[in-house]
């Protein structure tokens, strides 16, 4: 606690090896706060600086922290094909407004092995015609994989964009049985 009797913000992080490359997972006392794709040294360091700036405290590497243990276990189970959904407390403090509303709907309303169009998702949150805004919300998702923005596709059948790269999106959709496994 600080001198005012408030709990100081604490951010812990770890890098987890997955079938799509290393993922950085970061958590606060509230829950998982950030997932970052391709967490090589440079990407990881940039993400940690951004987290420190946004949350007002230096993230600490603690892969065995109780704040991260369940998130790591569930992410590993997902990539091993033993888990189809995440049951984790989430800290939504890195996103607000319409993007948060869209991401919450995505997390609760688009299950494993299914996809939804950008426009359809916009309609679900009362913004028909808001497909482009949904695309922006997907790009701002601080919790990819756990909040499955890879499940949002173009209405015409195209795969759409993806902050983690299209190959990563294809691999996640293949893992969930939506697309065939890549041949190589």
N, C-alpha and C. Protein backbone atom coordinates (compact mmCIF):
# COMPACT_ATOMS: atom_id res chain seq x y z
N UNK A 1 0.83 -1.18 0.00
CA UNK A 1 0.00 0.00 0.00
C UNK A 1 0.88 1.25 0.00
N UNK A 2 0.33 2.30 -0.61
CA UNK A 2 1.07 3.55 -0.60
C UNK A 2 0.70 4.35 0.66
N UNK A 3 1.21 5.56 0.76
CA UNK A 3 0.99 6.37 1.97
C UNK A 3 -0.47 6.81 2.15
N UNK A 4 -1.30 6.64 1.10
CA UNK A 4 -2.71 7.01 1.19
C UNK A 4 -3.61 5.80 1.43
N UNK A 5 -3.01 4.65 1.72
CA UNK A 5 -3.79 3.44 1.97
C UNK A 5 -4.30 2.77 0.71
N UNK A 6 -3.81 3.19 -0.45
CA UNK A 6 -4.21 2.60 -1.73
C UNK A 6 -3.18 1.57 -2.16
N UNK A 7 -3.66 0.53 -2.86
CA UNK A 7 -2.72 -0.43 -3.40
C UNK A 7 -2.01 0.17 -4.60
N UNK A 8 -0.70 0.03 -4.62
CA UNK A 8 0.06 0.52 -5.75
C UNK A 8 -0.19 -0.41 -6.94
N UNK A 9 -0.22 0.19 -8.13
CA UNK A 9 -0.38 -0.61 -9.35
C UNK A 9 0.81 -1.54 -9.47
N UNK A 10 0.55 -2.78 -9.80
CA UNK A 10 1.60 -3.77 -10.00
C UNK A 10 1.33 -4.45 -11.33
N UNK A 11 2.35 -4.53 -12.17
CA UNK A 11 2.24 -5.18 -13.47
C UNK A 11 3.34 -6.23 -13.56
N UNK A 12 2.94 -7.46 -13.81
CA UNK A 12 3.91 -8.55 -13.98
C UNK A 12 3.76 -9.08 -15.40
N UNK A 13 4.86 -9.66 -15.89
CA UNK A 13 4.81 -10.16 -17.26
C UNK A 13 5.66 -11.41 -17.40
N UNK A 14 5.37 -12.13 -18.49
CA UNK A 14 6.14 -13.31 -18.88
C UNK A 14 5.97 -13.50 -20.38
N UNK A 15 6.91 -14.19 -20.98
CA UNK A 15 6.80 -14.56 -22.39
C UNK A 15 6.55 -16.06 -22.45
N UNK A 16 5.54 -16.44 -23.23
CA UNK A 16 5.14 -17.83 -23.38
C UNK A 16 5.37 -18.24 -24.83
N UNK A 17 6.05 -19.37 -25.03
CA UNK A 17 6.24 -19.89 -26.39
C UNK A 17 4.95 -20.58 -26.82
N UNK A 18 4.51 -20.27 -28.05
CA UNK A 18 3.27 -20.85 -28.58
C UNK A 18 3.49 -21.29 -30.02
N UNK A 19 2.48 -21.91 -30.58
CA UNK A 19 2.54 -22.33 -31.97
C UNK A 19 2.57 -21.18 -32.96
N UNK A 20 2.34 -19.98 -32.50
CA UNK A 20 2.40 -18.80 -33.38
C UNK A 20 3.56 -17.89 -33.00
N UNK A 21 4.47 -18.41 -32.19
CA UNK A 21 5.61 -17.62 -31.74
C UNK A 21 5.43 -17.16 -30.31
N UNK A 22 6.41 -16.42 -29.80
CA UNK A 22 6.34 -15.98 -28.40
C UNK A 22 5.26 -14.92 -28.19
N UNK A 23 4.48 -15.10 -27.11
CA UNK A 23 3.48 -14.12 -26.69
C UNK A 23 3.90 -13.53 -25.37
N UNK A 24 3.84 -12.22 -25.25
CA UNK A 24 4.04 -11.57 -23.97
C UNK A 24 2.68 -11.48 -23.30
N UNK A 25 2.61 -11.95 -22.06
CA UNK A 25 1.40 -11.82 -21.25
C UNK A 25 1.73 -10.90 -20.10
N UNK A 26 0.86 -9.92 -19.85
CA UNK A 26 1.05 -9.00 -18.72
C UNK A 26 -0.24 -8.95 -17.92
N UNK A 27 -0.10 -8.86 -16.61
CA UNK A 27 -1.26 -8.85 -15.73
C UNK A 27 -1.09 -7.84 -14.61
N UNK A 28 -2.23 -7.36 -14.13
CA UNK A 28 -2.30 -6.51 -12.93
C UNK A 28 -3.10 -7.29 -11.89
N UNK A 29 -3.34 -6.67 -10.75
CA UNK A 29 -4.20 -7.31 -9.74
C UNK A 29 -5.62 -7.52 -10.26
N UNK A 30 -6.02 -6.71 -11.23
CA UNK A 30 -7.38 -6.82 -11.80
C UNK A 30 -7.51 -8.00 -12.74
N UNK A 31 -6.41 -8.37 -13.41
CA UNK A 31 -6.48 -9.48 -14.37
C UNK A 31 -5.48 -9.29 -15.49
N UNK A 32 -5.61 -10.13 -16.50
CA UNK A 32 -4.74 -10.05 -17.68
C UNK A 32 -5.00 -8.71 -18.35
N UNK A 33 -3.93 -7.96 -18.62
CA UNK A 33 -4.10 -6.61 -19.15
C UNK A 33 -3.57 -6.48 -20.58
N UNK A 34 -2.65 -7.36 -20.99
CA UNK A 34 -2.05 -7.21 -22.32
C UNK A 34 -1.51 -8.54 -22.81
N UNK A 35 -1.71 -8.77 -24.11
CA UNK A 35 -1.11 -9.91 -24.82
C UNK A 35 -0.46 -9.30 -26.05
N UNK A 36 0.80 -9.63 -26.28
CA UNK A 36 1.54 -9.04 -27.40
C UNK A 36 2.14 -10.16 -28.25
N UNK A 37 1.84 -10.12 -29.55
CA UNK A 37 2.37 -11.10 -30.51
C UNK A 37 3.86 -10.88 -30.77
N UNK A 38 4.51 -11.94 -31.25
CA UNK A 38 5.88 -11.88 -31.75
C UNK A 38 6.81 -11.19 -30.76
N UNK A 39 6.76 -11.63 -29.50
CA UNK A 39 7.45 -10.96 -28.41
C UNK A 39 8.95 -11.27 -28.36
N UNK A 40 9.61 -10.95 -29.45
CA UNK A 40 11.07 -11.01 -29.47
C UNK A 40 11.59 -9.86 -28.62
N UNK A 41 12.88 -9.80 -28.40
CA UNK A 41 13.44 -8.78 -27.50
C UNK A 41 12.97 -7.36 -27.84
N UNK A 42 13.09 -6.95 -29.10
CA UNK A 42 12.75 -5.57 -29.47
C UNK A 42 11.26 -5.30 -29.29
N UNK A 43 10.42 -6.22 -29.73
CA UNK A 43 8.97 -6.06 -29.60
C UNK A 43 8.59 -6.05 -28.12
N UNK A 44 9.15 -6.97 -27.36
CA UNK A 44 8.87 -7.06 -25.92
C UNK A 44 9.25 -5.77 -25.21
N UNK A 45 10.45 -5.27 -25.48
CA UNK A 45 10.91 -4.05 -24.81
C UNK A 45 10.02 -2.85 -25.14
N UNK A 46 9.61 -2.74 -26.40
CA UNK A 46 8.72 -1.65 -26.81
C UNK A 46 7.37 -1.78 -26.09
N UNK A 47 6.84 -3.00 -26.03
CA UNK A 47 5.56 -3.23 -25.36
C UNK A 47 5.65 -2.91 -23.86
N UNK A 48 6.76 -3.27 -23.23
CA UNK A 48 6.91 -3.00 -21.80
C UNK A 48 7.04 -1.51 -21.52
N UNK A 49 7.72 -0.78 -22.39
CA UNK A 49 7.80 0.68 -22.24
C UNK A 49 6.41 1.31 -22.37
N UNK A 50 5.64 0.83 -23.34
CA UNK A 50 4.29 1.34 -23.55
C UNK A 50 3.41 1.04 -22.33
N UNK A 51 3.51 -0.18 -21.79
CA UNK A 51 2.75 -0.53 -20.59
C UNK A 51 3.13 0.36 -19.41
N UNK A 52 4.43 0.57 -19.21
CA UNK A 52 4.89 1.42 -18.10
C UNK A 52 4.31 2.82 -18.24
N UNK A 53 4.32 3.34 -19.45
CA UNK A 53 3.79 4.68 -19.69
C UNK A 53 2.28 4.74 -19.44
N UNK A 54 1.56 3.75 -19.93
CA UNK A 54 0.10 3.75 -19.81
C UNK A 54 -0.39 3.46 -18.40
N UNK A 55 0.33 2.57 -17.68
CA UNK A 55 -0.15 2.14 -16.36
C UNK A 55 0.57 2.80 -15.20
N UNK A 56 1.62 3.57 -15.50
CA UNK A 56 2.28 4.35 -14.46
C UNK A 56 3.20 3.56 -13.54
N UNK A 57 3.63 2.39 -13.96
CA UNK A 57 4.56 1.61 -13.15
C UNK A 57 5.37 0.69 -14.07
N UNK A 58 6.56 0.35 -13.65
CA UNK A 58 7.42 -0.53 -14.45
C UNK A 58 6.95 -1.97 -14.33
N UNK A 59 6.65 -2.61 -15.44
CA UNK A 59 6.31 -4.03 -15.39
C UNK A 59 7.53 -4.85 -14.93
N UNK A 60 7.25 -5.90 -14.17
CA UNK A 60 8.29 -6.76 -13.60
C UNK A 60 8.12 -8.16 -14.18
N UNK A 61 9.22 -8.73 -14.67
CA UNK A 61 9.16 -10.10 -15.19
C UNK A 61 9.01 -11.07 -14.03
N UNK A 62 7.87 -11.76 -14.01
CA UNK A 62 7.58 -12.72 -12.94
C UNK A 62 6.75 -13.87 -13.50
N UNK A 63 7.36 -14.77 -14.26
CA UNK A 63 6.59 -15.85 -14.89
C UNK A 63 5.88 -16.77 -13.89
N UNK A 64 6.32 -16.79 -12.65
CA UNK A 64 5.68 -17.65 -11.64
C UNK A 64 4.68 -16.89 -10.76
N UNK A 65 4.41 -15.64 -11.10
CA UNK A 65 3.48 -14.84 -10.31
C UNK A 65 2.09 -15.47 -10.33
N UNK A 66 1.43 -15.48 -9.17
CA UNK A 66 0.04 -15.95 -9.14
C UNK A 66 -0.87 -15.13 -10.07
N UNK A 67 -0.50 -13.89 -10.34
CA UNK A 67 -1.30 -13.05 -11.23
C UNK A 67 -1.26 -13.56 -12.67
N UNK A 68 -0.21 -14.30 -13.02
CA UNK A 68 -0.04 -14.81 -14.39
C UNK A 68 -0.25 -16.31 -14.53
N UNK A 69 -0.15 -17.05 -13.45
CA UNK A 69 -0.10 -18.52 -13.53
C UNK A 69 -1.28 -19.11 -14.30
N UNK A 70 -2.48 -18.67 -14.00
CA UNK A 70 -3.65 -19.24 -14.67
C UNK A 70 -3.72 -18.82 -16.13
N UNK A 71 -3.34 -17.59 -16.43
CA UNK A 71 -3.32 -17.13 -17.82
C UNK A 71 -2.34 -17.95 -18.64
N UNK A 72 -1.16 -18.19 -18.10
CA UNK A 72 -0.16 -19.00 -18.80
C UNK A 72 -0.69 -20.41 -19.02
N UNK A 73 -1.28 -20.99 -17.98
CA UNK A 73 -1.81 -22.35 -18.10
C UNK A 73 -2.89 -22.43 -19.18
N UNK A 74 -3.80 -21.47 -19.20
CA UNK A 74 -4.88 -21.49 -20.19
C UNK A 74 -4.38 -21.23 -21.60
N UNK A 75 -3.44 -20.32 -21.77
CA UNK A 75 -2.88 -20.05 -23.10
C UNK A 75 -2.16 -21.30 -23.62
N UNK A 76 -1.37 -21.94 -22.77
CA UNK A 76 -0.67 -23.16 -23.20
C UNK A 76 -1.67 -24.26 -23.57
N UNK A 77 -2.75 -24.40 -22.80
CA UNK A 77 -3.77 -25.42 -23.09
C UNK A 77 -4.48 -25.11 -24.41
N UNK A 78 -4.76 -23.84 -24.68
CA UNK A 78 -5.39 -23.43 -25.92
C UNK A 78 -4.53 -23.84 -27.11
N UNK A 79 -3.26 -23.53 -27.06
CA UNK A 79 -2.38 -23.85 -28.19
C UNK A 79 -2.09 -25.34 -28.30
N UNK A 80 -2.29 -26.09 -27.23
CA UNK A 80 -2.13 -27.54 -27.28
C UNK A 80 -3.42 -28.23 -27.73
N UNK A 81 -4.47 -27.45 -27.98
CA UNK A 81 -5.73 -28.01 -28.42
C UNK A 81 -6.59 -28.58 -27.29
N UNK A 82 -6.27 -28.25 -26.05
CA UNK A 82 -7.01 -28.77 -24.90
C UNK A 82 -7.99 -27.76 -24.31
N UNK A 83 -8.08 -26.58 -24.89
CA UNK A 83 -8.95 -25.55 -24.34
C UNK A 83 -9.56 -24.75 -25.50
N UNK A 84 -10.86 -24.46 -25.39
CA UNK A 84 -11.53 -23.72 -26.45
C UNK A 84 -11.99 -22.34 -26.02
N UNK A 85 -11.91 -22.04 -24.75
CA UNK A 85 -12.29 -20.71 -24.28
C UNK A 85 -11.41 -20.34 -23.09
N UNK A 86 -11.41 -19.07 -22.80
CA UNK A 86 -10.61 -18.56 -21.68
C UNK A 86 -11.55 -18.12 -20.57
N UNK A 87 -11.19 -18.46 -19.36
CA UNK A 87 -11.95 -18.08 -18.19
C UNK A 87 -10.99 -17.37 -17.24
N UNK A 88 -10.72 -16.12 -17.58
CA UNK A 88 -9.72 -15.34 -16.86
C UNK A 88 -10.28 -13.98 -16.48
N UNK A 89 -9.87 -13.44 -15.35
CA UNK A 89 -10.21 -12.04 -15.09
C UNK A 89 -9.41 -11.17 -16.07
N UNK A 90 -10.08 -10.18 -16.63
CA UNK A 90 -9.42 -9.29 -17.59
C UNK A 90 -9.41 -7.87 -17.04
N UNK A 91 -8.31 -7.19 -17.22
CA UNK A 91 -8.17 -5.78 -16.87
C UNK A 91 -8.34 -5.00 -18.17
N UNK A 92 -9.46 -4.30 -18.29
CA UNK A 92 -9.80 -3.59 -19.51
C UNK A 92 -9.27 -2.16 -19.51
N UNK A 93 -8.35 -1.82 -18.63
CA UNK A 93 -7.94 -0.43 -18.46
C UNK A 93 -7.19 0.16 -19.65
N UNK A 94 -6.72 -0.65 -20.58
CA UNK A 94 -6.00 -0.11 -21.73
C UNK A 94 -6.92 0.27 -22.88
N UNK A 95 -8.21 0.07 -22.72
CA UNK A 95 -9.15 0.39 -23.79
C UNK A 95 -10.47 0.85 -23.18
N UNK A 96 -11.16 1.75 -23.88
CA UNK A 96 -12.41 2.27 -23.34
C UNK A 96 -13.38 2.55 -24.49
N UNK A 97 -14.56 3.01 -24.14
CA UNK A 97 -15.55 3.45 -25.11
C UNK A 97 -16.03 2.35 -26.04
N UNK A 98 -16.31 2.74 -27.28
CA UNK A 98 -16.82 1.81 -28.29
C UNK A 98 -15.91 0.61 -28.48
N UNK A 99 -14.59 0.80 -28.59
CA UNK A 99 -13.73 -0.38 -28.76
C UNK A 99 -13.89 -1.40 -27.62
N UNK A 100 -13.99 -0.93 -26.40
CA UNK A 100 -14.18 -1.85 -25.27
C UNK A 100 -15.51 -2.59 -25.40
N UNK A 101 -16.56 -1.86 -25.75
CA UNK A 101 -17.88 -2.48 -25.91
C UNK A 101 -17.84 -3.58 -26.97
N UNK A 102 -17.20 -3.30 -28.10
CA UNK A 102 -17.09 -4.27 -29.19
C UNK A 102 -16.28 -5.49 -28.73
N UNK A 103 -15.17 -5.25 -28.06
CA UNK A 103 -14.31 -6.36 -27.62
C UNK A 103 -14.99 -7.22 -26.57
N UNK A 104 -15.76 -6.62 -25.69
CA UNK A 104 -16.51 -7.41 -24.70
C UNK A 104 -17.54 -8.30 -25.40
N UNK A 105 -18.23 -7.75 -26.39
CA UNK A 105 -19.20 -8.55 -27.16
C UNK A 105 -18.48 -9.69 -27.89
N UNK A 106 -17.35 -9.39 -28.48
CA UNK A 106 -16.57 -10.42 -29.17
C UNK A 106 -16.18 -11.53 -28.21
N UNK A 107 -15.68 -11.16 -27.04
CA UNK A 107 -15.22 -12.15 -26.06
C UNK A 107 -16.35 -13.05 -25.58
N UNK A 108 -17.54 -12.50 -25.43
CA UNK A 108 -18.64 -13.30 -24.89
C UNK A 108 -19.52 -13.93 -25.97
N UNK A 109 -19.50 -13.38 -27.17
CA UNK A 109 -20.49 -13.79 -28.16
C UNK A 109 -20.00 -14.48 -29.41
N UNK A 110 -18.70 -14.70 -29.53
CA UNK A 110 -18.18 -15.38 -30.73
C UNK A 110 -17.30 -16.54 -30.28
N UNK A 111 -17.90 -17.72 -30.18
CA UNK A 111 -17.17 -18.86 -29.60
C UNK A 111 -16.12 -19.46 -30.52
N UNK A 112 -15.29 -20.27 -29.94
CA UNK A 112 -14.25 -21.05 -30.61
C UNK A 112 -14.83 -21.72 -31.86
N UNK A 113 -14.08 -21.67 -32.96
CA UNK A 113 -14.48 -22.36 -34.17
C UNK A 113 -15.51 -21.64 -35.01
N UNK A 114 -15.85 -20.40 -34.63
CA UNK A 114 -16.79 -19.61 -35.42
C UNK A 114 -16.14 -18.28 -35.78
N UNK A 115 -16.74 -17.61 -36.76
CA UNK A 115 -16.27 -16.28 -37.14
C UNK A 115 -17.48 -15.36 -37.25
N UNK A 116 -17.22 -14.08 -37.26
CA UNK A 116 -18.26 -13.06 -37.40
C UNK A 116 -17.71 -11.98 -38.32
N UNK A 117 -18.58 -11.38 -39.12
CA UNK A 117 -18.18 -10.27 -39.98
C UNK A 117 -18.05 -8.98 -39.18
N UNK A 118 -17.22 -8.07 -39.67
CA UNK A 118 -17.06 -6.77 -39.02
C UNK A 118 -18.41 -6.07 -38.88
N UNK A 119 -19.20 -6.07 -39.96
CA UNK A 119 -20.51 -5.41 -39.94
C UNK A 119 -21.49 -6.10 -39.00
N UNK A 120 -21.45 -7.43 -38.98
CA UNK A 120 -22.33 -8.17 -38.08
C UNK A 120 -22.01 -7.84 -36.62
N UNK A 121 -20.73 -7.75 -36.30
CA UNK A 121 -20.33 -7.42 -34.93
C UNK A 121 -20.77 -6.00 -34.58
N UNK A 122 -20.66 -5.10 -35.55
CA UNK A 122 -21.13 -3.73 -35.33
C UNK A 122 -22.62 -3.72 -35.01
N UNK A 123 -23.39 -4.51 -35.74
CA UNK A 123 -24.82 -4.60 -35.48
C UNK A 123 -25.13 -5.15 -34.10
N UNK A 124 -24.34 -6.08 -33.63
CA UNK A 124 -24.56 -6.67 -32.31
C UNK A 124 -24.42 -5.65 -31.18
N UNK A 125 -23.63 -4.61 -31.42
CA UNK A 125 -23.46 -3.58 -30.38
C UNK A 125 -24.26 -2.31 -30.72
N UNK A 126 -25.25 -2.48 -31.60
CA UNK A 126 -26.15 -1.38 -31.90
C UNK A 126 -25.61 -0.33 -32.83
N UNK A 127 -24.60 -0.67 -33.63
CA UNK A 127 -24.01 0.29 -34.56
C UNK A 127 -24.00 -0.28 -35.98
N UNK A 128 -25.18 -0.58 -36.55
CA UNK A 128 -25.17 -1.09 -37.93
C UNK A 128 -24.48 -0.07 -38.83
N UNK A 129 -23.70 -0.55 -39.74
CA UNK A 129 -22.93 0.35 -40.58
C UNK A 129 -21.60 0.75 -39.96
N UNK A 130 -21.28 0.20 -38.79
CA UNK A 130 -20.05 0.56 -38.10
C UNK A 130 -18.91 -0.42 -38.31
N UNK A 131 -18.90 -1.09 -39.47
CA UNK A 131 -17.87 -2.11 -39.72
C UNK A 131 -16.46 -1.55 -39.62
N UNK A 132 -16.25 -0.36 -40.16
CA UNK A 132 -14.91 0.23 -40.12
C UNK A 132 -14.49 0.53 -38.69
N UNK A 133 -15.40 1.01 -37.88
CA UNK A 133 -15.10 1.28 -36.47
C UNK A 133 -14.78 -0.02 -35.73
N UNK A 134 -15.47 -1.10 -36.09
CA UNK A 134 -15.16 -2.40 -35.49
C UNK A 134 -13.75 -2.83 -35.89
N UNK A 135 -13.38 -2.61 -37.14
CA UNK A 135 -12.02 -2.92 -37.58
C UNK A 135 -10.98 -2.16 -36.78
N UNK A 136 -11.26 -0.90 -36.50
CA UNK A 136 -10.34 -0.10 -35.68
C UNK A 136 -10.27 -0.67 -34.26
N UNK A 137 -11.40 -1.09 -33.72
CA UNK A 137 -11.42 -1.68 -32.37
C UNK A 137 -10.60 -2.97 -32.34
N UNK A 138 -10.70 -3.77 -33.40
CA UNK A 138 -9.91 -5.01 -33.44
C UNK A 138 -8.42 -4.68 -33.44
N UNK A 139 -8.04 -3.65 -34.19
CA UNK A 139 -6.64 -3.24 -34.24
C UNK A 139 -6.13 -2.70 -32.92
N UNK A 140 -7.04 -2.23 -32.07
CA UNK A 140 -6.65 -1.67 -30.77
C UNK A 140 -6.76 -2.69 -29.64
N UNK A 141 -7.13 -3.92 -29.95
CA UNK A 141 -7.35 -4.95 -28.94
C UNK A 141 -6.07 -5.20 -28.13
N UNK A 142 -6.08 -4.90 -26.83
CA UNK A 142 -4.88 -5.14 -26.02
C UNK A 142 -4.76 -6.60 -25.56
N UNK A 143 -5.76 -7.43 -25.87
CA UNK A 143 -5.80 -8.80 -25.37
C UNK A 143 -6.06 -9.82 -26.48
N UNK A 144 -5.33 -9.73 -27.61
CA UNK A 144 -5.60 -10.68 -28.68
C UNK A 144 -5.39 -12.12 -28.23
N UNK A 145 -5.99 -13.02 -28.93
CA UNK A 145 -6.08 -14.45 -28.66
C UNK A 145 -7.12 -14.67 -27.55
N UNK A 146 -6.92 -14.08 -26.38
CA UNK A 146 -7.86 -14.24 -25.27
C UNK A 146 -9.18 -13.55 -25.61
N UNK A 147 -9.13 -12.35 -26.14
CA UNK A 147 -10.28 -11.68 -26.73
C UNK A 147 -10.07 -11.84 -28.24
N UNK A 148 -10.79 -12.80 -28.84
CA UNK A 148 -10.41 -13.39 -30.13
C UNK A 148 -10.68 -12.56 -31.38
N UNK A 149 -9.95 -11.48 -31.56
CA UNK A 149 -10.14 -10.64 -32.74
C UNK A 149 -9.81 -11.38 -34.04
N UNK A 150 -9.09 -12.50 -33.94
CA UNK A 150 -8.81 -13.31 -35.13
C UNK A 150 -10.09 -13.92 -35.70
N UNK A 151 -11.17 -13.94 -34.94
CA UNK A 151 -12.44 -14.52 -35.40
C UNK A 151 -13.31 -13.52 -36.17
N UNK A 152 -12.81 -12.31 -36.38
CA UNK A 152 -13.58 -11.30 -37.11
C UNK A 152 -13.02 -11.24 -38.53
N UNK A 153 -13.94 -11.44 -39.49
CA UNK A 153 -13.54 -11.54 -40.90
C UNK A 153 -14.40 -10.61 -41.76
N UNK A 154 -14.01 -10.47 -43.01
CA UNK A 154 -14.78 -9.66 -43.95
C UNK A 154 -16.07 -10.37 -44.33
N UNK A 155 -17.10 -9.60 -44.59
CA UNK A 155 -18.41 -10.19 -44.91
C UNK A 155 -18.39 -10.98 -46.21
N UNK A 156 -17.53 -10.62 -47.14
CA UNK A 156 -17.46 -11.32 -48.42
C UNK A 156 -16.63 -12.59 -48.37
N UNK A 157 -16.21 -12.98 -47.21
CA UNK A 157 -15.43 -14.22 -47.09
C UNK A 157 -13.93 -14.00 -46.98
N UNK A 158 -13.48 -12.76 -47.14
CA UNK A 158 -12.05 -12.49 -46.98
C UNK A 158 -11.64 -12.58 -45.52
N UNK A 159 -10.36 -12.80 -45.32
CA UNK A 159 -9.85 -12.98 -43.95
C UNK A 159 -9.78 -11.67 -43.17
N UNK A 160 -9.67 -10.55 -43.87
CA UNK A 160 -9.57 -9.25 -43.18
C UNK A 160 -8.17 -9.01 -42.69
N UNK A 161 -7.98 -7.94 -41.97
CA UNK A 161 -6.66 -7.59 -41.44
C UNK A 161 -6.42 -8.24 -40.09
N UNK A 162 -5.20 -8.02 -39.58
CA UNK A 162 -4.87 -8.58 -38.27
C UNK A 162 -3.57 -7.98 -37.78
N UNK A 163 -3.59 -7.44 -36.57
CA UNK A 163 -2.41 -6.81 -35.99
C UNK A 163 -1.24 -7.75 -35.82
N UNK A 164 -1.50 -9.03 -35.63
CA UNK A 164 -0.43 -10.01 -35.48
C UNK A 164 0.08 -10.55 -36.80
N UNK A 165 -0.48 -10.05 -37.91
CA UNK A 165 -0.10 -10.51 -39.24
C UNK A 165 -1.09 -11.55 -39.76
N UNK A 166 -1.28 -11.56 -41.06
CA UNK A 166 -2.27 -12.47 -41.65
C UNK A 166 -1.90 -13.93 -41.46
N UNK A 167 -0.63 -14.26 -41.51
CA UNK A 167 -0.23 -15.66 -41.29
C UNK A 167 -0.60 -16.12 -39.88
N UNK A 168 -0.43 -15.24 -38.91
CA UNK A 168 -0.82 -15.57 -37.53
C UNK A 168 -2.33 -15.77 -37.45
N UNK A 169 -3.10 -14.91 -38.11
CA UNK A 169 -4.55 -15.05 -38.11
C UNK A 169 -4.94 -16.38 -38.75
N UNK A 170 -4.33 -16.72 -39.87
CA UNK A 170 -4.63 -18.00 -40.53
C UNK A 170 -4.32 -19.17 -39.60
N UNK A 171 -3.20 -19.11 -38.89
CA UNK A 171 -2.84 -20.21 -37.99
C UNK A 171 -3.82 -20.34 -36.83
N UNK A 172 -4.26 -19.21 -36.28
CA UNK A 172 -5.25 -19.26 -35.20
C UNK A 172 -6.58 -19.82 -35.69
N UNK A 173 -7.01 -19.40 -36.87
CA UNK A 173 -8.26 -19.92 -37.42
C UNK A 173 -8.13 -21.41 -37.77
N UNK A 174 -6.95 -21.84 -38.19
CA UNK A 174 -6.73 -23.26 -38.45
C UNK A 174 -6.75 -24.05 -37.15
N UNK A 175 -6.14 -23.52 -36.11
CA UNK A 175 -6.16 -24.17 -34.80
C UNK A 175 -7.60 -24.41 -34.33
N UNK A 176 -8.49 -23.47 -34.66
CA UNK A 176 -9.88 -23.57 -34.25
C UNK A 176 -10.75 -24.32 -35.27
N UNK A 177 -10.13 -24.82 -36.34
CA UNK A 177 -10.88 -25.60 -37.32
C UNK A 177 -11.67 -24.80 -38.33
N UNK A 178 -11.49 -23.49 -38.37
CA UNK A 178 -12.20 -22.64 -39.31
C UNK A 178 -11.55 -22.72 -40.69
N UNK A 179 -10.25 -22.80 -40.72
CA UNK A 179 -9.48 -22.93 -41.96
C UNK A 179 -8.70 -24.24 -41.89
N UNK A 180 -8.32 -24.78 -43.06
CA UNK A 180 -7.46 -25.97 -43.02
C UNK A 180 -6.07 -25.63 -42.50
N UNK A 181 -5.42 -26.60 -41.90
CA UNK A 181 -4.04 -26.42 -41.43
C UNK A 181 -3.15 -26.07 -42.62
N UNK A 182 -2.20 -25.17 -42.46
CA UNK A 182 -1.26 -24.88 -43.54
C UNK A 182 -0.45 -26.14 -43.88
N UNK A 183 -0.11 -26.28 -45.15
CA UNK A 183 0.66 -27.45 -45.58
C UNK A 183 2.09 -27.39 -45.12
N UNK A 184 2.61 -26.20 -44.93
CA UNK A 184 4.02 -26.05 -44.49
C UNK A 184 4.18 -24.79 -43.71
